[in-house]
Amino acid sequence: MITITATEARKTFFELIKQTTLQHEIIEVQHKSGNAVIMSADDYDSLQETLLLLSQPDFKQAFDESIQQAETGEVASFEEVFGEPL
């Protein structure tokens, strides 16, 4: 994460937007009234989805079971899942 002052952020605001969207950088902006974070909307949405999944009570157990099944070859083919060949 890059940390800059609010004054620097103001001077380079449009470049910061490009940096967050194209390079997926997260930028912390320091200000005397408190710090803020600038990140791309796509990265924010992804973070929100991850938090939602991780907040589900049985998600980790189901995910771990899925990993074990994949490692032991207990997987369904594309055709079995979607009813058509890949």
PDB file of N, CA and C in Angstrom:
ATOM      1  N   MET A   1       0.850  -1.163   0.000  1.00  0.00           N
ATOM      2  CA  MET A   1       0.000   0.000   0.000  1.00  0.00           C
ATOM      3  C   MET A   1       0.904   1.238   0.000  1.00  0.00           C
ATOM      4  N   ILE A   2       0.532   2.187  -0.798  1.00  0.00           N
ATOM      5  CA  ILE A   2       1.256   3.453  -0.886  1.00  0.00           C
ATOM      6  C   ILE A   2       0.598   4.435   0.075  1.00  0.00           C
ATOM      7  N   THR A   3       1.389   5.213   0.771  1.00  0.00           N
ATOM      8  CA  THR A   3       0.865   6.232   1.681  1.00  0.00           C
ATOM      9  C   THR A   3       1.329   7.603   1.218  1.00  0.00           C
ATOM     10  N   ILE A   4       0.363   8.523   1.079  1.00  0.00           N
ATOM     11  CA  ILE A   4       0.682   9.893   0.667  1.00  0.00           C
ATOM     12  C   ILE A   4      -0.135  10.861   1.504  1.00  0.00           C
ATOM     13  N   THR A   5       0.244  12.119   1.450  1.00  0.00           N
ATOM     14  CA  THR A   5      -0.506  13.149   2.168  1.00  0.00           C
ATOM     15  C   THR A   5      -1.712  13.575   1.340  1.00  0.00           C
ATOM     16  N   ALA A   6      -2.663  14.203   2.001  1.00  0.00           N
ATOM     17  CA  ALA A   6      -3.847  14.703   1.300  1.00  0.00           C
ATOM     18  C   ALA A   6      -3.456  15.750   0.261  1.00  0.00           C
ATOM     19  N   THR A   7      -2.442  16.550   0.546  1.00  0.00           N
ATOM     20  CA  THR A   7      -1.977  17.555  -0.414  1.00  0.00           C
ATOM     21  C   THR A   7      -1.441  16.884  -1.674  1.00  0.00           C
ATOM     22  N   GLU A   8      -0.641  15.829  -1.501  1.00  0.00           N
ATOM     23  CA  GLU A   8      -0.127  15.082  -2.657  1.00  0.00           C
ATOM     24  C   GLU A   8      -1.273  14.444  -3.444  1.00  0.00           C
ATOM     25  N   ALA A   9      -2.246  13.909  -2.732  1.00  0.00           N
ATOM     26  CA  ALA A   9      -3.385  13.261  -3.381  1.00  0.00           C
ATOM     27  C   ALA A   9      -4.175  14.267  -4.218  1.00  0.00           C
ATOM     28  N   ARG A  10      -4.354  15.443  -3.693  1.00  0.00           N
ATOM     29  CA  ARG A  10      -5.084  16.482  -4.421  1.00  0.00           C
ATOM     30  C   ARG A  10      -4.357  16.852  -5.710  1.00  0.00           C
ATOM     31  N   LYS A  11      -3.047  16.963  -5.635  1.00  0.00           N
ATOM     32  CA  LYS A  11      -2.261  17.357  -6.807  1.00  0.00           C
ATOM     33  C   LYS A  11      -2.262  16.277  -7.889  1.00  0.00           C
ATOM     34  N   THR A  12      -2.346  15.013  -7.495  1.00  0.00           N
ATOM     35  CA  THR A  12      -2.206  13.912  -8.454  1.00  0.00           C
ATOM     36  C   THR A  12      -3.457  13.022  -8.501  1.00  0.00           C
ATOM     37  N   PHE A  13      -4.602  13.601  -8.215  1.00  0.00           N
ATOM     38  CA  PHE A  13      -5.824  12.818  -8.058  1.00  0.00           C
ATOM     39  C   PHE A  13      -6.136  11.944  -9.268  1.00  0.00           C
ATOM     40  N   PHE A  14      -6.098  12.490 -10.475  1.00  0.00           N
ATOM     41  CA  PHE A  14      -6.449  11.709 -11.658  1.00  0.00           C
ATOM     42  C   PHE A  14      -5.424  10.598 -11.921  1.00  0.00           C
ATOM     43  N   GLU A  15      -4.172  10.861 -11.621  1.00  0.00           N
ATOM     44  CA  GLU A  15      -3.145   9.823 -11.750  1.00  0.00           C
ATOM     45  C   GLU A  15      -3.376   8.713 -10.717  1.00  0.00           C
ATOM     46  N   LEU A  16      -3.819   9.070  -9.531  1.00  0.00           N
ATOM     47  CA  LEU A  16      -4.119   8.075  -8.502  1.00  0.00           C
ATOM     48  C   LEU A  16      -5.261   7.163  -8.937  1.00  0.00           C
ATOM     49  N   ILE A  17      -6.265   7.741  -9.568  1.00  0.00           N
ATOM     50  CA  ILE A  17      -7.377   6.935 -10.061  1.00  0.00           C
ATOM     51  C   ILE A  17      -6.876   5.927 -11.091  1.00  0.00           C
ATOM     52  N   LYS A  18      -6.040   6.380 -12.009  1.00  0.00           N
ATOM     53  CA  LYS A  18      -5.466   5.463 -12.999  1.00  0.00           C
ATOM     54  C   LYS A  18      -4.654   4.369 -12.317  1.00  0.00           C
ATOM     55  N   GLN A  19      -3.867   4.758 -11.345  1.00  0.00           N
ATOM     56  CA  GLN A  19      -2.996   3.810 -10.645  1.00  0.00           C
ATOM     57  C   GLN A  19      -3.820   2.741  -9.923  1.00  0.00           C
ATOM     58  N   THR A  20      -4.919   3.143  -9.316  1.00  0.00           N
ATOM     59  CA  THR A  20      -5.734   2.170  -8.589  1.00  0.00           C
ATOM     60  C   THR A  20      -6.492   1.252  -9.536  1.00  0.00           C
ATOM     61  N   THR A  21      -6.955   1.781 -10.662  1.00  0.00           N
ATOM     62  CA  THR A  21      -7.738   0.939 -11.571  1.00  0.00           C
ATOM     63  C   THR A  21      -6.869   0.069 -12.469  1.00  0.00           C
ATOM     64  N   LEU A  22      -5.749   0.588 -12.932  1.00  0.00           N
ATOM     65  CA  LEU A  22      -4.919  -0.166 -13.871  1.00  0.00           C
ATOM     66  C   LEU A  22      -3.911  -1.079 -13.180  1.00  0.00           C
ATOM     67  N   GLN A  23      -3.389  -0.654 -12.033  1.00  0.00           N
ATOM     68  CA  GLN A  23      -2.345  -1.423 -11.352  1.00  0.00           C
ATOM     69  C   GLN A  23      -2.822  -2.040 -10.043  1.00  0.00           C
ATOM     70  N   HIS A  24      -4.079  -1.827  -9.702  1.00  0.00           N
ATOM     71  CA  HIS A  24      -4.674  -2.376  -8.474  1.00  0.00           C
ATOM     72  C   HIS A  24      -3.912  -1.951  -7.219  1.00  0.00           C
ATOM     73  N   GLU A  25      -3.380  -0.743  -7.249  1.00  0.00           N
ATOM     74  CA  GLU A  25      -2.715  -0.190  -6.060  1.00  0.00           C
ATOM     75  C   GLU A  25      -3.786   0.283  -5.073  1.00  0.00           C
ATOM     76  N   ILE A  26      -3.490   0.178  -3.815  1.00  0.00           N
ATOM     77  CA  ILE A  26      -4.332   0.751  -2.764  1.00  0.00           C
ATOM     78  C   ILE A  26      -3.533   1.882  -2.150  1.00  0.00           C
ATOM     79  N   ILE A  27      -4.162   3.034  -2.029  1.00  0.00           N
ATOM     80  CA  ILE A  27      -3.451   4.228  -1.589  1.00  0.00           C
ATOM     81  C   ILE A  27      -4.083   4.753  -0.307  1.00  0.00           C
ATOM     82  N   GLU A  28      -3.244   4.910   0.703  1.00  0.00           N
ATOM     83  CA  GLU A  28      -3.694   5.508   1.963  1.00  0.00           C
ATOM     84  C   GLU A  28      -3.371   6.987   1.912  1.00  0.00           C
ATOM     85  N   VAL A  29      -4.378   7.794   2.182  1.00  0.00           N
ATOM     86  CA  VAL A  29      -4.208   9.240   2.172  1.00  0.00           C
ATOM     87  C   VAL A  29      -4.261   9.724   3.617  1.00  0.00           C
ATOM     88  N   GLN A  30      -3.161  10.356   4.045  1.00  0.00           N
ATOM     89  CA  GLN A  30      -3.068  10.831   5.428  1.00  0.00           C
ATOM     90  C   GLN A  30      -3.550  12.286   5.510  1.00  0.00           C
ATOM     91  N   HIS A  31      -4.349  12.531   6.530  1.00  0.00           N
ATOM     92  CA  HIS A  31      -4.841  13.886   6.771  1.00  0.00           C
ATOM     93  C   HIS A  31      -4.956  14.069   8.278  1.00  0.00           C
ATOM     94  N   LYS A  32      -4.831  15.284   8.730  1.00  0.00           N
ATOM     95  CA  LYS A  32      -4.856  15.527  10.179  1.00  0.00           C
ATOM     96  C   LYS A  32      -6.188  15.139  10.816  1.00  0.00           C
ATOM     97  N   SER A  33      -7.273  15.134  10.033  1.00  0.00           N
ATOM     98  CA  SER A  33      -8.568  14.749  10.597  1.00  0.00           C
ATOM     99  C   SER A  33      -8.828  13.247  10.511  1.00  0.00           C
ATOM    100  N   GLY A  34      -7.902  12.506   9.904  1.00  0.00           N
ATOM    101  CA  GLY A  34      -8.035  11.053   9.789  1.00  0.00           C
ATOM    102  C   GLY A  34      -7.602  10.585   8.415  1.00  0.00           C
ATOM    103  N   ASN A  35      -7.249   9.346   8.314  1.00  0.00           N
ATOM    104  CA  ASN A  35      -6.763   8.785   7.054  1.00  0.00           C
ATOM    105  C   ASN A  35      -7.916   8.183   6.251  1.00  0.00           C
ATOM    106  N   ALA A  36      -7.699   8.111   4.937  1.00  0.00           N
ATOM    107  CA  ALA A  36      -8.675   7.506   4.027  1.00  0.00           C
ATOM    108  C   ALA A  36      -7.926   6.586   3.075  1.00  0.00           C
ATOM    109  N   VAL A  37      -8.681   5.740   2.388  1.00  0.00           N
ATOM    110  CA  VAL A  37      -8.087   4.806   1.445  1.00  0.00           C
ATOM    111  C   VAL A  37      -8.749   4.987   0.085  1.00  0.00           C
ATOM    112  N   ILE A  38      -7.915   4.974  -0.960  1.00  0.00           N
ATOM    113  CA  ILE A  38      -8.422   5.013  -2.331  1.00  0.00           C
ATOM    114  C   ILE A  38      -8.093   3.673  -2.967  1.00  0.00           C
ATOM    115  N   MET A  39      -9.123   3.035  -3.533  1.00  0.00           N
ATOM    116  CA  MET A  39      -8.929   1.772  -4.242  1.00  0.00           C
ATOM    117  C   MET A  39      -9.935   1.710  -5.382  1.00  0.00           C
ATOM    118  N   SER A  40      -9.676   0.832  -6.347  1.00  0.00           N
ATOM    119  CA  SER A  40     -10.586   0.723  -7.484  1.00  0.00           C
ATOM    120  C   SER A  40     -11.924   0.148  -7.038  1.00  0.00           C
ATOM    121  N   ALA A  41     -12.959   0.468  -7.780  1.00  0.00           N
ATOM    122  CA  ALA A  41     -14.290  -0.070  -7.485  1.00  0.00           C
ATOM    123  C   ALA A  41     -14.296  -1.591  -7.624  1.00  0.00           C
ATOM    124  N   ASP A  42     -13.585  -2.116  -8.616  1.00  0.00           N
ATOM    125  CA  ASP A  42     -13.516  -3.574  -8.789  1.00  0.00           C
ATOM    126  C   ASP A  42     -12.867  -4.248  -7.579  1.00  0.00           C
ATOM    127  N   ASP A  43     -11.769  -3.660  -7.084  1.00  0.00           N
ATOM    128  CA  ASP A  43     -11.108  -4.227  -5.907  1.00  0.00           C
ATOM    129  C   ASP A  43     -11.997  -4.119  -4.667  1.00  0.00           C
ATOM    130  N   TYR A  44     -12.718  -3.015  -4.548  1.00  0.00           N
ATOM    131  CA  TYR A  44     -13.638  -2.837  -3.417  1.00  0.00           C
ATOM    132  C   TYR A  44     -14.758  -3.885  -3.472  1.00  0.00           C
ATOM    133  N   ASP A  45     -15.341  -4.078  -4.660  1.00  0.00           N
ATOM    134  CA  ASP A  45     -16.407  -5.074  -4.816  1.00  0.00           C
ATOM    135  C   ASP A  45     -15.894  -6.473  -4.473  1.00  0.00           C
ATOM    136  N   SER A  46     -14.693  -6.782  -4.926  1.00  0.00           N
ATOM    137  CA  SER A  46     -14.089  -8.080  -4.639  1.00  0.00           C
ATOM    138  C   SER A  46     -13.882  -8.264  -3.136  1.00  0.00           C
ATOM    139  N   LEU A  47     -13.403  -7.227  -2.488  1.00  0.00           N
ATOM    140  CA  LEU A  47     -13.200  -7.274  -1.042  1.00  0.00           C
ATOM    141  C   LEU A  47     -14.526  -7.499  -0.312  1.00  0.00           C
ATOM    142  N   GLN A  48     -15.568  -6.795  -0.737  1.00  0.00           N
ATOM    143  CA  GLN A  48     -16.882  -6.948  -0.116  1.00  0.00           C
ATOM    144  C   GLN A  48     -17.421  -8.372  -0.291  1.00  0.00           C
ATOM    145  N   GLU A  49     -17.233  -8.937  -1.494  1.00  0.00           N
ATOM    146  CA  GLU A  49     -17.689 -10.299  -1.742  1.00  0.00           C
ATOM    147  C   GLU A  49     -16.930 -11.299  -0.878  1.00  0.00           C
ATOM    148  N   THR A  50     -15.624 -11.104  -0.751  1.00  0.00           N
ATOM    149  CA  THR A  50     -14.809 -11.983   0.097  1.00  0.00           C
ATOM    150  C   THR A  50     -15.274 -11.908   1.543  1.00  0.00           C
ATOM    151  N   LEU A  51     -15.514 -10.707   2.032  1.00  0.00           N
ATOM    152  CA  LEU A  51     -15.988 -10.551   3.412  1.00  0.00           C
ATOM    153  C   LEU A  51     -17.342 -11.224   3.618  1.00  0.00           C
ATOM    154  N   LEU A  52     -18.221 -11.093   2.623  1.00  0.00           N
ATOM    155  CA  LEU A  52     -19.528 -11.736   2.715  1.00  0.00           C
ATOM    156  C   LEU A  52     -19.380 -13.251   2.796  1.00  0.00           C
ATOM    157  N   LEU A  53     -18.558 -13.823   1.910  1.00  0.00           N
ATOM    158  CA  LEU A  53     -18.366 -15.276   1.925  1.00  0.00           C
ATOM    159  C   LEU A  53     -17.759 -15.749   3.235  1.00  0.00           C
ATOM    160  N   LEU A  54     -16.753 -15.035   3.706  1.00  0.00           N
ATOM    161  CA  LEU A  54     -16.086 -15.443   4.937  1.00  0.00           C
ATOM    162  C   LEU A  54     -16.966 -15.275   6.175  1.00  0.00           C
ATOM    163  N   SER A  55     -18.000 -14.456   6.061  1.00  0.00           N
ATOM    164  CA  SER A  55     -18.899 -14.266   7.201  1.00  0.00           C
ATOM    165  C   SER A  55     -19.971 -15.352   7.277  1.00  0.00           C
ATOM    166  N   GLN A  56     -20.092 -16.174   6.231  1.00  0.00           N
ATOM    167  CA  GLN A  56     -21.064 -17.264   6.239  1.00  0.00           C
ATOM    168  C   GLN A  56     -20.545 -18.369   7.161  1.00  0.00           C
ATOM    169  N   PRO A  57     -21.388 -18.836   8.080  1.00  0.00           N
ATOM    170  CA  PRO A  57     -20.920 -19.789   9.098  1.00  0.00           C
ATOM    171  C   PRO A  57     -20.260 -21.060   8.551  1.00  0.00           C
ATOM    172  N   ASP A  58     -20.788 -21.652   7.505  1.00  0.00           N
ATOM    173  CA  ASP A  58     -20.261 -22.927   7.029  1.00  0.00           C
ATOM    174  C   ASP A  58     -19.364 -22.804   5.809  1.00  0.00           C
ATOM    175  N   PHE A  59     -19.043 -21.579   5.399  1.00  0.00           N
ATOM    176  CA  PHE A  59     -18.280 -21.399   4.167  1.00  0.00           C
ATOM    177  C   PHE A  59     -16.900 -22.043   4.239  1.00  0.00           C
ATOM    178  N   LYS A  60     -16.163 -21.793   5.311  1.00  0.00           N
ATOM    179  CA  LYS A  60     -14.797 -22.326   5.397  1.00  0.00           C
ATOM    180  C   LYS A  60     -14.790 -23.844   5.349  1.00  0.00           C
ATOM    181  N   GLN A  61     -15.699 -24.465   6.064  1.00  0.00           N
ATOM    182  CA  GLN A  61     -15.750 -25.929   6.063  1.00  0.00           C
ATOM    183  C   GLN A  61     -16.084 -26.445   4.663  1.00  0.00           C
ATOM    184  N   ALA A  62     -17.061 -25.859   3.997  1.00  0.00           N
ATOM    185  CA  ALA A  62     -17.441 -26.293   2.652  1.00  0.00           C
ATOM    186  C   ALA A  62     -16.298 -26.052   1.669  1.00  0.00           C
ATOM    187  N   PHE A  63     -15.616 -24.940   1.821  1.00  0.00           N
ATOM    188  CA  PHE A  63     -14.488 -24.624   0.946  1.00  0.00           C
ATOM    189  C   PHE A  63     -13.356 -25.628   1.145  1.00  0.00           C
ATOM    190  N   ASP A  64     -13.019 -25.916   2.399  1.00  0.00           N
ATOM    191  CA  ASP A  64     -11.966 -26.892   2.692  1.00  0.00           C
ATOM    192  C   ASP A  64     -12.318 -28.274   2.140  1.00  0.00           C
ATOM    193  N   GLU A  65     -13.594 -28.660   2.252  1.00  0.00           N
ATOM    194  CA  GLU A  65     -14.034 -29.942   1.702  1.00  0.00           C
ATOM    195  C   GLU A  65     -13.884 -29.951   0.182  1.00  0.00           C
ATOM    196  N   SER A  66     -14.203 -28.858  -0.450  1.00  0.00           N
ATOM    197  CA  SER A  66     -14.065 -28.755  -1.907  1.00  0.00           C
ATOM    198  C   SER A  66     -12.611 -28.899  -2.337  1.00  0.00           C
ATOM    199  N   ILE A  67     -11.710 -28.297  -1.581  1.00  0.00           N
ATOM    200  CA  ILE A  67     -10.282 -28.413  -1.883  1.00  0.00           C
ATOM    201  C   ILE A  67      -9.847 -29.879  -1.774  1.00  0.00           C
ATOM    202  N   GLN A  68     -10.266 -30.538  -0.709  1.00  0.00           N
ATOM    203  CA  GLN A  68      -9.913 -31.955  -0.522  1.00  0.00           C
ATOM    204  C   GLN A  68     -10.456 -32.806  -1.666  1.00  0.00           C
ATOM    205  N   GLN A  69     -11.691 -32.549  -2.077  1.00  0.00           N
ATOM    206  CA  GLN A  69     -12.289 -33.302  -3.175  1.00  0.00           C
ATOM    207  C   GLN A  69     -11.508 -33.083  -4.473  1.00  0.00           C
ATOM    208  N   ALA A  70     -11.119 -31.870  -4.726  1.00  0.00           N
ATOM    209  CA  ALA A  70     -10.352 -31.572  -5.937  1.00  0.00           C
ATOM    210  C   ALA A  70      -8.994 -32.262  -5.904  1.00  0.00           C
ATOM    211  N   GLU A  71      -8.358 -32.268  -4.744  1.00  0.00           N
ATOM    212  CA  GLU A  71      -7.043 -32.901  -4.617  1.00  0.00           C
ATOM    213  C   GLU A  71      -7.104 -34.415  -4.780  1.00  0.00           C
ATOM    214  N   THR A  72      -8.219 -35.016  -4.403  1.00  0.00           N
ATOM    215  CA  THR A  72      -8.353 -36.473  -4.518  1.00  0.00           C
ATOM    216  C   THR A  72      -9.030 -36.884  -5.824  1.00  0.00           C
ATOM    217  N   GLY A  73      -9.325 -35.913  -6.666  1.00  0.00           N
ATOM    218  CA  GLY A  73      -9.915 -36.219  -7.962  1.00  0.00           C
ATOM    219  C   GLY A  73     -11.417 -36.396  -7.957  1.00  0.00           C
ATOM    220  N   GLU A  74     -12.050 -36.070  -6.858  1.00  0.00           N
ATOM    221  CA  GLU A  74     -13.513 -36.178  -6.769  1.00  0.00           C
ATOM    222  C   GLU A  74     -14.142 -34.916  -7.372  1.00  0.00           C
ATOM    223  N   VAL A  75     -14.064 -34.819  -8.680  1.00  0.00           N
ATOM    224  CA  VAL A  75     -14.583 -33.628  -9.359  1.00  0.00           C
ATOM    225  C   VAL A  75     -15.551 -34.042 -10.454  1.00  0.00           C
ATOM    226  N   ALA A  76     -16.429 -33.140 -10.810  1.00  0.00           N
ATOM    227  CA  ALA A  76     -17.363 -33.369 -11.903  1.00  0.00           C
ATOM    228  C   ALA A  76     -16.824 -32.690 -13.149  1.00  0.00           C
ATOM    229  N   SER A  77     -17.062 -33.304 -14.278  1.00  0.00           N
ATOM    230  CA  SER A  77     -16.611 -32.711 -15.540  1.00  0.00           C
ATOM    231  C   SER A  77     -17.510 -31.534 -15.903  1.00  0.00           C
ATOM    232  N   PHE A  78     -17.049 -30.732 -16.834  1.00  0.00           N
ATOM    233  CA  PHE A  78     -17.835 -29.610 -17.330  1.00  0.00           C
ATOM    234  C   PHE A  78     -19.176 -30.110 -17.851  1.00  0.00           C
ATOM    235  N   GLU A  79     -19.127 -31.217 -18.591  1.00  0.00           N
ATOM    236  CA  GLU A  79     -20.345 -31.757 -19.185  1.00  0.00           C
ATOM    237  C   GLU A  79     -21.317 -32.237 -18.108  1.00  0.00           C
ATOM    238  N   GLU A  80     -20.793 -32.849 -17.029  1.00  0.00           N
ATOM    239  CA  GLU A  80     -21.661 -33.311 -15.942  1.00  0.00           C
ATOM    240  C   GLU A  80     -22.341 -32.130 -15.240  1.00  0.00           C
ATOM    241  N   VAL A  81     -21.641 -31.041 -15.122  1.00  0.00           N
ATOM    242  CA  VAL A  81     -22.181 -29.873 -14.425  1.00  0.00           C
ATOM    243  C   VAL A  81     -23.156 -29.102 -15.300  1.00  0.00           C
ATOM    244  N   PHE A  82     -22.755 -28.855 -16.556  1.00  0.00           N
ATOM    245  CA  PHE A  82     -23.538 -27.958 -17.405  1.00  0.00           C
ATOM    246  C   PHE A  82     -24.358 -28.671 -18.479  1.00  0.00           C
ATOM    247  N   GLY A  83     -24.197 -30.000 -18.591  1.00  0.00           N
ATOM    248  CA  GLY A  83     -25.003 -30.756 -19.523  1.00  0.00           C
ATOM    249  C   GLY A  83     -24.617 -30.595 -20.984  1.00  0.00           C
ATOM    250  N   GLU A  84     -23.434 -30.081 -21.229  1.00  0.00           N
ATOM    251  CA  GLU A  84     -22.942 -29.948 -22.607  1.00  0.00           C
ATOM    252  C   GLU A  84     -21.426 -30.035 -22.602  1.00  0.00           C
ATOM    253  N   PRO A  85     -20.861 -30.458 -23.718  1.00  0.00           N
ATOM    254  CA  PRO A  85     -19.398 -30.581 -23.769  1.00  0.00           C
ATOM    255  C   PRO A  85     -18.716 -29.214 -23.777  1.00  0.00           C
ATOM    256  N   LEU A  86     -17.511 -29.195 -23.315  1.00  0.00           N
ATOM    257  CA  LEU A  86     -16.708 -27.959 -23.279  1.00  0.00           C
ATOM    258  C   LEU A  86     -16.263 -27.532 -24.628  1.00  0.00           C
TER     259      LEU A  86
END
